[in-house]
Amino acid sequence: MIRNIIFDMGRVLIHWDPERLIARQGYAGEDAAILLREVFQCAEWQGLDRGRLTPEDALATMLPRLPAHLHAAAEHFVRFWWVEPLWPVEGMAELVRELKGLGYGIYLLSNATSRLHDYFDRIPGSECFQGKIVSADWKLLKPEHEIYETLFREYGLDPAACFFIDDNPANVEAGLCQGMQGAVFFGCMARLRGELRRAGIPVRE
């Protein structure tokens, strides 16, 4: 019987769209392509999420790959992207609050830097979460099995009593291997609610 719902953050609770972040800073064309590739899609960004690199470490490697006129943008994205307005996923806060009202435990399992703790309470529905596992805090990343085991251990959760929602199929598959049920979120709330109901979780249609 499911008693706990585990949520990812980016592309589940909030829209995570680096191209939109770049455009909002006024960059387009080749400059936008360079920032996307050399900042958001690089190994250093993953190193930040793992907690292996500090912002200073990451920028020391990133900046030499960038033309000088993009250095300030890279620093902004690495150090401060989260101070900008967040984009909640439509209908997700309502689902989180409904699940909490039904008595389910609500938890977060996210690949993110430790700065998540500074902005998480700006996400609608965040008040419902009983616990968070943030990758950088533990030097682990989904879909590594150790990060799921950390979640279960830290909050005393039985995997068989957990339902995991993530936008990345590899992350959900890893959760299934750990004994959870789960669903890949493709951006469709109706589909997600249907999958929850099929798992015996009585959310509204």
Protein backbone atom coordinates (compact mmCIF):
# COMPACT_ATOMS: atom_id res chain seq x y z
CA MET A 1 0.00 0.00 0.00
CA ILE A 2 1.38 3.39 -0.99
CA ARG A 3 1.90 5.77 1.93
CA ASN A 4 4.49 8.21 0.56
CA ILE A 5 4.86 10.21 -2.65
CA ILE A 6 8.37 11.17 -3.74
CA PHE A 7 8.72 14.12 -6.13
CA ASP A 8 11.56 15.28 -8.32
CA MET A 9 11.82 19.07 -8.62
CA GLY A 10 12.95 20.28 -12.06
CA ARG A 11 10.34 19.67 -14.77
CA VAL A 12 8.03 18.25 -12.10
CA LEU A 13 7.42 20.90 -9.43
CA ILE A 14 8.93 23.73 -11.47
CA HIS A 15 9.73 24.17 -15.13
CA TRP A 16 13.46 23.80 -15.71
CA ASP A 17 14.22 25.44 -19.06
CA PRO A 18 17.80 26.69 -19.52
CA GLU A 19 17.00 28.05 -22.98
CA ARG A 20 14.31 30.25 -21.45
CA LEU A 21 16.68 31.39 -18.69
CA ILE A 22 19.24 32.35 -21.33
CA ALA A 23 16.69 34.20 -23.44
CA ARG A 24 15.42 36.08 -20.41
CA GLN A 25 18.93 37.49 -19.95
CA GLY A 26 18.81 38.79 -23.51
CA TYR A 27 21.01 36.24 -25.28
CA ALA A 28 20.11 34.69 -28.62
CA GLY A 29 21.67 33.00 -31.63
CA GLU A 30 25.25 31.75 -31.29
CA ASP A 31 25.72 33.32 -27.86
CA ALA A 32 22.67 31.44 -26.55
CA ALA A 33 23.93 28.18 -28.08
CA ILE A 34 27.35 28.63 -26.47
CA LEU A 35 25.86 29.32 -23.03
CA LEU A 36 23.55 26.33 -23.27
CA ARG A 37 26.37 23.99 -24.27
CA GLU A 38 29.22 25.32 -22.14
CA VAL A 39 27.28 26.10 -18.95
CA PHE A 40 24.08 24.09 -18.62
CA GLN A 41 25.03 20.99 -20.59
CA CYS A 42 28.60 20.57 -19.38
CA ALA A 43 30.17 18.18 -16.89
CA GLU A 44 30.78 21.03 -14.48
CA TRP A 45 27.04 21.63 -14.07
CA GLN A 46 26.70 17.98 -13.10
CA GLY A 47 29.60 18.45 -10.73
CA LEU A 48 27.74 21.28 -9.04
CA ASP A 49 24.66 19.09 -8.61
CA ARG A 50 26.82 16.30 -7.18
CA GLY A 51 28.45 18.71 -4.74
CA ARG A 52 31.86 17.79 -6.16
CA LEU A 53 32.52 21.36 -7.34
CA THR A 54 32.01 24.77 -5.78
CA PRO A 55 30.78 27.58 -8.05
CA GLU A 56 34.34 28.89 -8.08
CA ASP A 57 35.67 25.50 -9.20
CA ALA A 58 33.08 25.18 -11.95
CA LEU A 59 33.64 28.70 -13.29
CA ALA A 60 37.40 28.23 -13.32
CA THR A 61 36.87 25.49 -15.91
CA MET A 62 33.90 26.97 -17.75
CA LEU A 63 35.11 30.52 -18.33
CA PRO A 64 38.19 29.68 -20.45
CA ARG A 65 35.82 27.94 -22.89
CA LEU A 66 33.66 31.05 -23.26
CA PRO A 67 34.26 34.34 -25.07
CA ALA A 68 34.91 37.15 -22.64
CA HIS A 69 31.61 38.88 -23.30
CA LEU A 70 29.75 35.82 -21.95
CA HIS A 71 31.67 35.50 -18.69
CA ALA A 72 29.21 37.62 -16.70
CA ALA A 73 26.29 35.55 -17.98
CA ALA A 74 27.98 32.31 -16.99
CA GLU A 75 28.68 33.65 -13.51
CA HIS A 76 25.06 34.72 -13.16
CA PHE A 77 23.72 31.30 -14.15
CA VAL A 78 26.13 29.37 -11.92
CA ARG A 79 25.77 31.59 -8.85
CA PHE A 80 22.36 33.21 -9.06
CA TRP A 81 19.91 31.64 -11.55
CA TRP A 82 17.62 30.70 -8.66
CA VAL A 83 17.06 34.31 -7.55
CA GLU A 84 15.01 34.83 -10.72
CA PRO A 85 11.26 34.06 -10.76
CA LEU A 86 10.56 30.33 -10.67
CA TRP A 87 8.02 28.77 -13.05
CA PRO A 88 5.76 26.35 -11.18
CA VAL A 89 4.37 23.45 -13.21
CA GLU A 90 0.68 24.11 -13.68
CA GLY A 91 -1.52 22.00 -11.41
CA MET A 92 1.34 20.40 -9.46
CA ALA A 93 0.93 22.41 -6.26
CA GLU A 94 -2.75 21.47 -6.21
CA LEU A 95 -1.82 17.80 -6.57
CA VAL A 96 0.79 18.01 -3.80
CA ARG A 97 -1.70 19.65 -1.43
CA GLU A 98 -4.39 17.14 -2.33
CA LEU A 99 -2.05 14.22 -1.59
CA LYS A 100 -1.03 15.80 1.71
CA GLY A 101 -4.71 16.22 2.60
CA LEU A 102 -5.26 12.53 1.86
CA GLY A 103 -2.62 11.69 4.46
CA TYR A 104 0.34 10.79 2.27
CA GLY A 105 3.90 11.61 3.27
CA ILE A 106 5.44 14.01 0.74
CA TYR A 107 9.19 13.99 0.04
CA LEU A 108 11.64 15.49 -2.44
CA LEU A 109 14.46 13.65 -4.24
CA SER A 110 16.28 16.11 -6.50
CA ASN A 111 19.53 16.47 -8.40
CA ALA A 112 20.38 20.04 -7.43
CA THR A 113 22.96 22.15 -5.65
CA SER A 114 22.63 22.88 -1.96
CA ARG A 115 21.26 26.32 -2.86
CA LEU A 116 17.92 24.52 -3.31
CA HIS A 117 17.41 25.02 0.42
CA ASP A 118 17.48 28.79 -0.17
CA TYR A 119 14.65 28.87 -2.71
CA PHE A 120 12.57 25.75 -2.12
CA ASP A 121 10.01 27.58 0.00
CA ARG A 122 9.23 29.78 -3.02
CA ILE A 123 7.79 26.75 -4.85
CA PRO A 124 4.00 26.46 -4.40
CA GLY A 125 3.18 23.37 -2.35
CA SER A 126 6.60 23.27 -0.68
CA GLU A 127 4.96 23.62 2.72
CA CYS A 128 3.66 20.06 2.36
CA PHE A 129 7.08 18.38 2.18
CA GLN A 130 8.24 16.41 5.20
CA GLY A 131 11.77 15.87 3.97
CA LYS A 132 14.23 16.54 1.16
CA ILE A 133 17.18 14.66 -0.28
CA VAL A 134 19.25 17.07 -2.37
CA SER A 135 22.01 15.43 -4.40
CA ALA A 136 24.77 17.91 -3.62
CA ASP A 137 24.29 17.43 0.12
CA TRP A 138 25.14 13.75 -0.23
CA LYS A 139 27.66 13.79 -3.14
CA LEU A 140 25.31 11.52 -5.07
CA LEU A 141 23.16 11.81 -8.20
CA LYS A 142 20.10 10.04 -9.50
CA PRO A 143 19.96 7.40 -10.90
CA GLU A 144 22.71 6.03 -8.61
CA HIS A 145 21.11 3.52 -6.27
CA GLU A 146 22.83 5.00 -3.21
CA ILE A 147 20.77 8.20 -3.36
CA TYR A 148 17.52 6.23 -3.20
CA GLU A 149 18.87 4.20 -0.29
CA THR A 150 19.76 7.48 1.43
CA LEU A 151 16.16 8.66 1.08
CA PHE A 152 14.79 5.46 2.59
CA ARG A 153 17.31 5.44 5.44
CA GLU A 154 17.06 9.10 6.41
CA TYR A 155 13.26 9.13 6.59
CA GLY A 156 12.58 5.52 7.57
CA LEU A 157 10.65 4.79 4.38
CA ASP A 158 9.69 1.38 3.06
CA PRO A 159 10.36 1.43 -0.72
CA ALA A 160 7.28 -0.71 -1.31
CA ALA A 161 5.17 2.04 0.27
CA CYS A 162 6.58 4.80 -1.99
CA PHE A 163 5.48 6.19 -5.36
CA PHE A 164 8.16 8.18 -7.24
CA ILE A 165 7.47 10.93 -9.81
CA ASP A 166 10.33 12.15 -12.03
CA ASP A 167 10.61 13.49 -15.57
CA ASN A 168 13.63 11.28 -16.38
CA PRO A 169 12.81 7.66 -17.30
CA ALA A 170 16.24 6.46 -16.09
CA ASN A 171 15.57 7.93 -12.65
CA VAL A 172 12.14 6.33 -12.41
CA GLU A 173 13.50 2.98 -13.61
CA ALA A 174 16.20 3.12 -10.92
CA GLY A 175 13.48 3.79 -8.35
CA LEU A 176 11.53 0.78 -9.58
CA CYS A 177 14.68 -1.31 -9.16
CA GLN A 178 14.82 -0.11 -5.56
CA GLY A 179 11.31 -1.41 -4.95
CA MET A 180 9.21 1.73 -5.42
CA GLN A 181 6.31 2.22 -7.76
CA GLY A 182 6.54 5.28 -9.97
CA ALA A 183 5.65 7.24 -13.08
CA VAL A 184 7.49 9.38 -15.59
CA PHE A 185 5.98 12.86 -15.72
CA PHE A 186 5.70 14.08 -19.30
CA GLY A 187 4.03 17.37 -18.43
CA CYS A 188 0.47 16.05 -18.54
CA MET A 189 -1.34 16.32 -15.22
CA ALA A 190 -4.29 14.22 -16.38
CA ARG A 191 -1.97 11.35 -17.27
CA LEU A 192 -0.12 11.60 -13.95
CA ARG A 193 -3.35 11.63 -11.97
CA GLY A 194 -4.46 8.56 -13.89
CA GLU A 195 -1.26 6.72 -13.03
CA LEU A 196 -1.65 7.62 -9.38
CA ARG A 197 -5.21 6.29 -9.36
CA ARG A 198 -4.07 3.06 -11.03
CA ALA A 199 -1.59 2.67 -8.16
CA GLY A 200 -4.49 2.90 -5.69
CA ILE A 201 -3.97 6.55 -4.73
CA PRO A 202 -7.46 8.15 -4.74
CA VAL A 203 -6.73 11.53 -6.31
CA ARG A 204 -9.40 13.39 -8.24
CA GLU A 205 -9.67 13.07 -12.00
